[in-house]
Amino acid sequence: MDKTEQQALQVTKEIMVKFIEVGRISPTNFSEHFATIYGEVLRTVVDKRTHAANNQPLASD
């Protein structure tokens, strides 16, 4: 697992904990949501790094 994947995993874990705290996700349905959230976090990080490396503005900029 590379550094980017580790960072995405950590962020995903923090998001999941917060969602559990506020009741949006329960420990029983954790596995239903984890992969989706991790995929989005990882995609966002990779997209931002790709755009930054190419010195291109993001669509949201």
Foldseek 3Di string as FASTA:
>chain_A
DDPLLVVLLVVLVVVLVVCCVVVVDPPVCSVVCSVVSSVVSSVVVVVVVVCVVVVHDDPVD
